[in-house]
Amino acid sequence: MICFVSDLHLGLGSYEQRRAREQRFLRFLQLMQPRMSTLYIVGDLFDYWFEYKTVLPRDFFRTLGALEQLRLSGVRIEYLMGNHDFGHQDFFEHELGIPIHRGDVEFETDGKKFYLAHGDGKVYNDRGYLILRAILRNPINIKLFQWLHPDVGIGLASNTSSVSRSYTDARDYGGPDGLSDFARQKIAEGFDYVIMGHRHQPKQEGFDVDGHHGEYINLGDWLQHDSYAEFDGTHMKLCKVADVVDK
């Protein structure tokens, strides 16, 4: 079974809220591990992430250990960078064996074609965010950022994350947000499943385009909706985390 999660935003909120959400994720991984072959993290696992050569954010050491144990158990893990975890360098790949994808991902399994994207930059009229993302992900800017003391740099990364979230939250999604239209376009290209996050609204929507049926799945979030998706080799299903950890 392939599992897809996004937008946990670990590190967001009070200490009690942060720990509760993290413990819920760790329990989820523990219970899903026996039947999970692959885990796709579709962006924003962390509310902020920035790494130095010898320093990492202390809030996340339990999650990092759990991901390593999951991978060592034989579960493949793939990580798509989101708009809040722009500070990835090589730690995940070199130390945990988890590849970081800085762009969208395409793959095929069990005769089905998948297109994965976090979703940032795909909403309509989002030029302001695209400019911000280009600045934050610029390699030169990241190198300059690393000259800061880690306590200062990680603090700034957290503040930058708050700015990004405030910008996203302030967007008016009353009309089409662009993600469904993007998914429809990819389904027209022959993809069976288009999976995104970012929007924080779980959704599973079918499209029939030129005789081809495909589905768009938005993974929602773990802040309010507590949702994820799984593919059993035949069907894709949007699920509730509570059905796993609260039984």
C-alpha atoms as a PDB file:
ATOM      1  CA  MET A   1       0.000   0.000   0.000  1.00  0.00           C
ATOM      2  CA  ILE A   2       1.201   3.512  -0.846  1.00  0.00           C
ATOM      3  CA  CYS A   3       0.432   6.253   1.660  1.00  0.00           C
ATOM      4  CA  PHE A   4       0.325  10.000   0.977  1.00  0.00           C
ATOM      5  CA  VAL A   5       0.451  12.728   3.639  1.00  0.00           C
ATOM      6  CA  SER A   6       0.981  16.482   3.540  1.00  0.00           C
ATOM      7  CA  ASP A   7       0.637  19.682   5.550  1.00  0.00           C
ATOM      8  CA  LEU A   8       1.260  18.371   9.050  1.00  0.00           C
ATOM      9  CA  HIS A   9       3.074  21.637   9.883  1.00  0.00           C
ATOM     10  CA  LEU A  10       4.990  20.083  12.761  1.00  0.00           C
ATOM     11  CA  GLY A  11       6.369  22.845  14.959  1.00  0.00           C
ATOM     12  CA  LEU A  12       3.302  25.068  14.645  1.00  0.00           C
ATOM     13  CA  GLY A  13       1.389  26.152  17.739  1.00  0.00           C
ATOM     14  CA  SER A  14       1.979  25.944  21.458  1.00  0.00           C
ATOM     15  CA  TYR A  15       4.319  23.348  22.941  1.00  0.00           C
ATOM     16  CA  GLU A  16       1.366  21.148  23.882  1.00  0.00           C
ATOM     17  CA  GLN A  17      -0.175  21.428  20.404  1.00  0.00           C
ATOM     18  CA  ARG A  18       3.148  20.674  18.723  1.00  0.00           C
ATOM     19  CA  ARG A  19       3.808  17.605  20.829  1.00  0.00           C
ATOM     20  CA  ALA A  20       0.260  16.259  20.441  1.00  0.00           C
ATOM     21  CA  ARG A  21       0.366  16.538  16.642  1.00  0.00           C
ATOM     22  CA  GLU A  22       3.806  14.958  16.496  1.00  0.00           C
ATOM     23  CA  GLN A  23       2.805  12.074  18.765  1.00  0.00           C
ATOM     24  CA  ARG A  24      -0.242  11.481  16.593  1.00  0.00           C
ATOM     25  CA  PHE A  25       1.991  11.281  13.505  1.00  0.00           C
ATOM     26  CA  LEU A  26       4.437   8.916  15.211  1.00  0.00           C
ATOM     27  CA  ARG A  27       1.575   6.644  16.259  1.00  0.00           C
ATOM     28  CA  PHE A  28       0.202   6.775  12.717  1.00  0.00           C
ATOM     29  CA  LEU A  29       3.551   5.671  11.262  1.00  0.00           C
ATOM     30  CA  GLN A  30       3.827   2.870  13.786  1.00  0.00           C
ATOM     31  CA  LEU A  31       0.390   1.475  12.993  1.00  0.00           C
ATOM     32  CA  MET A  32       0.679   1.906   9.214  1.00  0.00           C
ATOM     33  CA  GLN A  33       4.174   0.430   8.879  1.00  0.00           C
ATOM     34  CA  PRO A  34       3.153  -3.260   8.607  1.00  0.00           C
ATOM     35  CA  ARG A  35       1.011  -2.659   5.515  1.00  0.00           C
ATOM     36  CA  MET A  36       2.778   0.309   3.926  1.00  0.00           C
ATOM     37  CA  SER A  37       5.309  -0.157   1.137  1.00  0.00           C
ATOM     38  CA  THR A  38       5.893   3.517   0.312  1.00  0.00           C
ATOM     39  CA  LEU A  39       5.258   6.820   2.054  1.00  0.00           C
ATOM     40  CA  TYR A  40       5.023  10.021   0.019  1.00  0.00           C
ATOM     41  CA  ILE A  41       5.343  13.216   2.040  1.00  0.00           C
ATOM     42  CA  VAL A  42       3.771  15.785  -0.286  1.00  0.00           C
ATOM     43  CA  GLY A  43       5.219  18.907   1.334  1.00  0.00           C
ATOM     44  CA  ASP A  44       5.008  20.881   4.564  1.00  0.00           C
ATOM     45  CA  LEU A  45       5.704  18.058   6.958  1.00  0.00           C
ATOM     46  CA  PHE A  46       7.285  20.834   9.018  1.00  0.00           C
ATOM     47  CA  ASP A  47       5.972  24.335   9.539  1.00  0.00           C
ATOM     48  CA  TYR A  48       9.571  25.439   9.029  1.00  0.00           C
ATOM     49  CA  TRP A  49      12.755  23.616   8.181  1.00  0.00           C
ATOM     50  CA  PHE A  50      16.249  24.945   7.811  1.00  0.00           C
ATOM     51  CA  GLU A  51      19.400  22.944   8.287  1.00  0.00           C
ATOM     52  CA  TYR A  52      23.038  23.766   8.845  1.00  0.00           C
ATOM     53  CA  LYS A  53      26.004  21.450   8.348  1.00  0.00           C
ATOM     54  CA  THR A  54      26.038  20.465  12.026  1.00  0.00           C
ATOM     55  CA  VAL A  55      22.767  21.853  13.429  1.00  0.00           C
ATOM     56  CA  LEU A  56      19.126  20.843  12.978  1.00  0.00           C
ATOM     57  CA  PRO A  57      15.894  22.191  14.554  1.00  0.00           C
ATOM     58  CA  ARG A  58      15.589  20.417  17.919  1.00  0.00           C
ATOM     59  CA  ASP A  59      11.785  20.241  17.763  1.00  0.00           C
ATOM     60  CA  PHE A  60      11.864  17.458  15.213  1.00  0.00           C
ATOM     61  CA  PHE A  61      14.333  14.870  16.501  1.00  0.00           C
ATOM     62  CA  ARG A  62      11.582  12.363  17.381  1.00  0.00           C
ATOM     63  CA  THR A  63      10.088  12.610  13.896  1.00  0.00           C
ATOM     64  CA  LEU A  64      13.492  12.224  12.251  1.00  0.00           C
ATOM     65  CA  GLY A  65      14.172   9.103  14.314  1.00  0.00           C
ATOM     66  CA  ALA A  66      10.771   7.638  13.439  1.00  0.00           C
ATOM     67  CA  LEU A  67      11.302   8.259   9.723  1.00  0.00           C
ATOM     68  CA  GLU A  68      14.683   6.570   9.867  1.00  0.00           C
ATOM     69  CA  GLN A  69      13.218   3.532  11.622  1.00  0.00           C
ATOM     70  CA  LEU A  70      10.401   3.400   9.084  1.00  0.00           C
ATOM     71  CA  ARG A  71      12.858   3.437   6.211  1.00  0.00           C
ATOM     72  CA  LEU A  72      15.069   0.800   7.863  1.00  0.00           C
ATOM     73  CA  SER A  73      11.990  -1.427   8.207  1.00  0.00           C
ATOM     74  CA  GLY A  74      11.804  -1.495   4.413  1.00  0.00           C
ATOM     75  CA  VAL A  75       9.328   1.306   3.710  1.00  0.00           C
ATOM     76  CA  ARG A  76      10.433   3.603   0.885  1.00  0.00           C
ATOM     77  CA  ILE A  77       9.990   7.300   1.684  1.00  0.00           C
ATOM     78  CA  GLU A  78       9.873  10.129  -0.854  1.00  0.00           C
ATOM     79  CA  TYR A  79       9.685  13.788   0.183  1.00  0.00           C
ATOM     80  CA  LEU A  80       8.346  16.625  -2.003  1.00  0.00           C
ATOM     81  CA  MET A  81       9.444  20.039  -0.826  1.00  0.00           C
ATOM     82  CA  GLY A  82       6.578  22.345   0.185  1.00  0.00           C
ATOM     83  CA  ASN A  83       6.427  26.078   0.666  1.00  0.00           C
ATOM     84  CA  HIS A  84       7.233  25.830   4.385  1.00  0.00           C
ATOM     85  CA  ASP A  85      10.164  23.413   4.173  1.00  0.00           C
ATOM     86  CA  PHE A  86      12.299  25.302   1.671  1.00  0.00           C
ATOM     87  CA  GLY A  87      15.489  24.966   3.774  1.00  0.00           C
ATOM     88  CA  HIS A  88      16.306  21.356   2.896  1.00  0.00           C
ATOM     89  CA  GLN A  89      19.912  20.683   1.930  1.00  0.00           C
ATOM     90  CA  ASP A  90      21.333  17.157   2.027  1.00  0.00           C
ATOM     91  CA  PHE A  91      20.534  15.845   5.520  1.00  0.00           C
ATOM     92  CA  PHE A  92      17.497  13.764   4.538  1.00  0.00           C
ATOM     93  CA  GLU A  93      19.228  12.217   1.545  1.00  0.00           C
ATOM     94  CA  HIS A  94      22.645  11.545   3.122  1.00  0.00           C
ATOM     95  CA  GLU A  95      21.659  10.641   6.680  1.00  0.00           C
ATOM     96  CA  LEU A  96      18.178   9.145   6.299  1.00  0.00           C
ATOM     97  CA  GLY A  97      18.229   7.854   2.729  1.00  0.00           C
ATOM     98  CA  ILE A  98      15.132   9.887   1.895  1.00  0.00           C
ATOM     99  CA  PRO A  99      15.283  11.752  -1.428  1.00  0.00           C
ATOM    100  CA  ILE A 100      14.074  15.348  -1.496  1.00  0.00           C
ATOM    101  CA  HIS A 101      12.201  16.405  -4.642  1.00  0.00           C
ATOM    102  CA  ARG A 102      12.318  20.127  -5.344  1.00  0.00           C
ATOM    103  CA  GLY A 103       9.805  19.830  -8.178  1.00  0.00           C
ATOM    104  CA  ASP A 104       6.777  17.743  -9.086  1.00  0.00           C
ATOM    105  CA  VAL A 105       6.979  13.954  -9.242  1.00  0.00           C
ATOM    106  CA  GLU A 106       5.612  11.521 -11.802  1.00  0.00           C
ATOM    107  CA  PHE A 107       5.558   7.749 -11.424  1.00  0.00           C
ATOM    108  CA  GLU A 108       3.652   4.679 -12.571  1.00  0.00           C
ATOM    109  CA  THR A 109       2.644   1.643 -10.541  1.00  0.00           C
ATOM    110  CA  ASP A 110       0.066  -1.122 -10.938  1.00  0.00           C
ATOM    111  CA  GLY A 111      -0.802   0.262 -14.363  1.00  0.00           C
ATOM    112  CA  LYS A 112      -1.735   3.699 -12.954  1.00  0.00           C
ATOM    113  CA  LYS A 113       0.023   6.988 -13.653  1.00  0.00           C
ATOM    114  CA  PHE A 114       0.497   9.400 -10.753  1.00  0.00           C
ATOM    115  CA  TYR A 115       1.329  13.091 -10.726  1.00  0.00           C
ATOM    116  CA  LEU A 116       2.343  14.558  -7.366  1.00  0.00           C
ATOM    117  CA  ALA A 117       2.834  18.236  -6.502  1.00  0.00           C
ATOM    118  CA  HIS A 118       2.611  20.189  -3.285  1.00  0.00           C
ATOM    119  CA  GLY A 119       0.411  22.725  -5.087  1.00  0.00           C
ATOM    120  CA  ASP A 120       2.126  25.993  -4.175  1.00  0.00           C
ATOM    121  CA  GLY A 121       2.446  28.327  -7.134  1.00  0.00           C
ATOM    122  CA  LYS A 122      -0.390  26.603  -8.983  1.00  0.00           C
ATOM    123  CA  VAL A 123      -3.215  28.766  -7.679  1.00  0.00           C
ATOM    124  CA  TYR A 124      -4.415  31.559  -9.922  1.00  0.00           C
ATOM    125  CA  ASN A 125      -2.815  34.999  -9.821  1.00  0.00           C
ATOM    126  CA  ASP A 126      -0.060  33.841  -7.480  1.00  0.00           C
ATOM    127  CA  ARG A 127       2.835  35.870  -8.920  1.00  0.00           C
ATOM    128  CA  GLY A 128       3.606  37.387  -5.506  1.00  0.00           C
ATOM    129  CA  TYR A 129       4.173  33.968  -3.987  1.00  0.00           C
ATOM    130  CA  LEU A 130       6.251  32.783  -6.952  1.00  0.00           C
ATOM    131  CA  ILE A 131       8.564  35.758  -6.457  1.00  0.00           C
ATOM    132  CA  LEU A 132       8.815  35.014  -2.733  1.00  0.00           C
ATOM    133  CA  ARG A 133       9.567  31.348  -3.414  1.00  0.00           C
ATOM    134  CA  ALA A 134      12.286  32.229  -5.910  1.00  0.00           C
ATOM    135  CA  ILE A 135      13.947  34.449  -3.313  1.00  0.00           C
ATOM    136  CA  LEU A 136      13.705  31.931  -0.478  1.00  0.00           C
ATOM    137  CA  ARG A 137      14.991  29.009  -2.556  1.00  0.00           C
ATOM    138  CA  ASN A 138      17.801  30.918  -4.237  1.00  0.00           C
ATOM    139  CA  PRO A 139      21.039  28.982  -3.492  1.00  0.00           C
ATOM    140  CA  ILE A 140      22.988  32.177  -2.885  1.00  0.00           C
ATOM    141  CA  ASN A 141      20.426  33.434  -0.372  1.00  0.00           C
ATOM    142  CA  ILE A 142      20.440  30.066   1.394  1.00  0.00           C
ATOM    143  CA  LYS A 143      24.247  30.160   1.651  1.00  0.00           C
ATOM    144  CA  LEU A 144      24.095  33.664   3.103  1.00  0.00           C
ATOM    145  CA  PHE A 145      21.404  32.526   5.522  1.00  0.00           C
ATOM    146  CA  GLN A 146      23.699  29.778   6.791  1.00  0.00           C
ATOM    147  CA  TRP A 147      26.195  32.377   7.981  1.00  0.00           C
ATOM    148  CA  LEU A 148      23.727  33.369  10.682  1.00  0.00           C
ATOM    149  CA  HIS A 149      23.936  31.777  14.108  1.00  0.00           C
ATOM    150  CA  PRO A 150      21.576  28.743  14.107  1.00  0.00           C
ATOM    151  CA  ASP A 151      19.394  30.195  16.873  1.00  0.00           C
ATOM    152  CA  VAL A 152      18.919  33.318  14.748  1.00  0.00           C
ATOM    153  CA  GLY A 153      18.606  31.491  11.430  1.00  0.00           C
ATOM    154  CA  ILE A 154      16.075  28.931  12.602  1.00  0.00           C
ATOM    155  CA  GLY A 155      14.112  31.712  14.291  1.00  0.00           C
ATOM    156  CA  LEU A 156      14.029  33.627  11.032  1.00  0.00           C
ATOM    157  CA  ALA A 157      12.991  30.473   9.181  1.00  0.00           C
ATOM    158  CA  SER A 158      10.070  30.112  11.598  1.00  0.00           C
ATOM    159  CA  ASN A 159       9.091  33.750  11.081  1.00  0.00           C
ATOM    160  CA  THR A 160       9.370  33.394   7.306  1.00  0.00           C
ATOM    161  CA  SER A 161       7.095  30.378   7.527  1.00  0.00           C
ATOM    162  CA  SER A 162       4.547  32.506   9.375  1.00  0.00           C
ATOM    163  CA  VAL A 163       4.701  35.117   6.608  1.00  0.00           C
ATOM    164  CA  SER A 164       4.168  32.442   3.950  1.00  0.00           C
ATOM    165  CA  ARG A 165       1.238  30.957   5.868  1.00  0.00           C
ATOM    166  CA  SER A 166      -0.333  34.380   6.419  1.00  0.00           C
ATOM    167  CA  TYR A 167      -0.074  35.093   2.695  1.00  0.00           C
ATOM    168  CA  THR A 168      -1.682  31.763   1.815  1.00  0.00           C
ATOM    169  CA  ASP A 169      -4.418  32.114   4.445  1.00  0.00           C
ATOM    170  CA  ALA A 170      -5.255  35.608   3.188  1.00  0.00           C
ATOM    171  CA  ARG A 171      -5.881  34.404  -0.366  1.00  0.00           C
ATOM    172  CA  ASP A 172      -9.503  34.474  -1.483  1.00  0.00           C
ATOM    173  CA  TYR A 173     -10.375  30.938  -2.574  1.00  0.00           C
ATOM    174  CA  GLY A 174     -14.031  31.726  -3.099  1.00  0.00           C
ATOM    175  CA  GLY A 175     -13.774  30.928  -6.798  1.00  0.00           C
ATOM    176  CA  PRO A 176     -11.660  28.317  -8.601  1.00  0.00           C
ATOM    177  CA  ASP A 177      -8.309  28.018  -6.855  1.00  0.00           C
ATOM    178  CA  GLY A 178      -6.461  26.682  -9.889  1.00  0.00           C
ATOM    179  CA  LEU A 179      -5.545  23.317  -8.401  1.00  0.00           C
ATOM    180  CA  SER A 180      -8.578  21.497  -9.794  1.00  0.00           C
ATOM    181  CA  ASP A 181      -7.983  22.988 -13.237  1.00  0.00           C
ATOM    182  CA  PHE A 182      -4.324  21.985 -13.058  1.00  0.00           C
ATOM    183  CA  ALA A 183      -5.353  18.451 -12.083  1.00  0.00           C
ATOM    184  CA  ARG A 184      -7.815  18.291 -14.981  1.00  0.00           C
ATOM    185  CA  GLN A 185      -5.051  19.320 -17.358  1.00  0.00           C
ATOM    186  CA  LYS A 186      -2.787  16.534 -16.091  1.00  0.00           C
ATOM    187  CA  ILE A 187      -5.612  14.000 -16.357  1.00  0.00           C
ATOM    188  CA  ALA A 188      -6.072  15.116 -19.969  1.00  0.00           C
ATOM    189  CA  GLU A 189      -2.397  14.250 -20.449  1.00  0.00           C
ATOM    190  CA  GLY A 190      -3.119  10.696 -19.323  1.00  0.00           C
ATOM    191  CA  PHE A 191      -2.515  10.693 -15.579  1.00  0.00           C
ATOM    192  CA  ASP A 192      -4.883   8.611 -13.492  1.00  0.00           C
ATOM    193  CA  TYR A 193      -4.275  10.345 -10.163  1.00  0.00           C
ATOM    194  CA  VAL A 194      -3.164  13.893  -9.432  1.00  0.00           C
ATOM    195  CA  ILE A 195      -2.298  14.346  -5.769  1.00  0.00           C
ATOM    196  CA  MET A 196      -1.603  17.681  -4.087  1.00  0.00           C
ATOM    197  CA  GLY A 197      -1.730  19.407  -0.714  1.00  0.00           C
ATOM    198  CA  HIS A 198      -1.188  23.075   0.169  1.00  0.00           C
ATOM    199  CA  ARG A 199      -4.883  23.966   0.094  1.00  0.00           C
ATOM    200  CA  HIS A 200      -5.658  22.455   3.530  1.00  0.00           C
ATOM    201  CA  GLN A 201      -9.024  21.230   2.227  1.00  0.00           C
ATOM    202  CA  PRO A 202      -9.359  17.462   1.655  1.00  0.00           C
ATOM    203  CA  LYS A 203     -10.953  16.705  -1.679  1.00  0.00           C
ATOM    204  CA  GLN A 204     -11.413  13.795  -4.059  1.00  0.00           C
ATOM    205  CA  GLU A 205     -12.808  14.765  -7.449  1.00  0.00           C
ATOM    206  CA  GLY A 206     -13.231  12.718 -10.609  1.00  0.00           C
ATOM    207  CA  PHE A 207     -12.775  14.006 -14.166  1.00  0.00           C
ATOM    208  CA  ASP A 208     -13.660  12.380 -17.477  1.00  0.00           C
ATOM    209  CA  VAL A 209     -11.568  13.930 -20.241  1.00  0.00           C
ATOM    210  CA  ASP A 210     -11.638  12.587 -23.806  1.00  0.00           C
ATOM    211  CA  GLY A 211     -12.766   9.176 -22.616  1.00  0.00           C
ATOM    212  CA  HIS A 212     -10.151   8.966 -19.877  1.00  0.00           C
ATOM    213  CA  HIS A 213     -11.169   8.974 -16.220  1.00  0.00           C
ATOM    214  CA  GLY A 214      -8.853  10.390 -13.598  1.00  0.00           C
ATOM    215  CA  GLU A 215      -9.072  11.684 -10.056  1.00  0.00           C
ATOM    216  CA  TYR A 216      -7.742  14.726  -8.242  1.00  0.00           C
ATOM    217  CA  ILE A 217      -7.001  14.200  -4.565  1.00  0.00           C
ATOM    218  CA  ASN A 218      -6.118  17.034  -2.228  1.00  0.00           C
ATOM    219  CA  LEU A 219      -4.663  15.576   0.951  1.00  0.00           C
ATOM    220  CA  GLY A 220      -5.987  18.289   3.251  1.00  0.00           C
ATOM    221  CA  ASP A 221      -4.004  18.821   6.447  1.00  0.00           C
ATOM    222  CA  TRP A 222      -3.403  17.617  10.001  1.00  0.00           C
ATOM    223  CA  LEU A 223      -4.330  20.933  11.602  1.00  0.00           C
ATOM    224  CA  GLN A 224      -8.112  20.702  11.218  1.00  0.00           C
ATOM    225  CA  HIS A 225      -9.023  17.855   8.886  1.00  0.00           C
ATOM    226  CA  ASP A 226      -6.675  15.071   9.980  1.00  0.00           C
ATOM    227  CA  SER A 227      -6.608  13.464   6.532  1.00  0.00           C
ATOM    228  CA  TYR A 228      -4.361  11.357   4.321  1.00  0.00           C
ATOM    229  CA  ALA A 229      -4.729   9.111   1.260  1.00  0.00           C
ATOM    230  CA  GLU A 230      -3.813   5.547   0.434  1.00  0.00           C
ATOM    231  CA  PHE A 231      -3.587   3.494  -2.768  1.00  0.00           C
ATOM    232  CA  ASP A 232      -4.044  -0.267  -2.396  1.00  0.00           C
ATOM    233  CA  GLY A 233      -2.965  -1.169  -5.924  1.00  0.00           C
ATOM    234  CA  THR A 234      -6.463  -0.796  -7.325  1.00  0.00           C
ATOM    235  CA  HIS A 235      -8.234   2.098  -5.627  1.00  0.00           C
ATOM    236  CA  MET A 236      -7.230   5.498  -4.276  1.00  0.00           C
ATOM    237  CA  LYS A 237      -9.016   6.531  -1.094  1.00  0.00           C
ATOM    238  CA  LEU A 238      -9.013   9.722   0.962  1.00  0.00           C
ATOM    239  CA  CYS A 239      -8.980   8.659   4.620  1.00  0.00           C
ATOM    240  CA  LYS A 240      -9.200   9.985   8.168  1.00  0.00           C
ATOM    241  CA  VAL A 241      -6.225   9.650  10.490  1.00  0.00           C
ATOM    242  CA  ALA A 242      -8.643   8.984  13.353  1.00  0.00           C
ATOM    243  CA  ASP A 243      -9.667   5.717  11.701  1.00  0.00           C
ATOM    244  CA  VAL A 244      -6.085   4.523  12.187  1.00  0.00           C
ATOM    245  CA  VAL A 245      -4.922   5.945  15.496  1.00  0.00           C
ATOM    246  CA  ASP A 246      -8.180   6.209  17.465  1.00  0.00           C
ATOM    247  CA  LYS A 247      -9.445   2.673  17.053  1.00  0.00           C
END
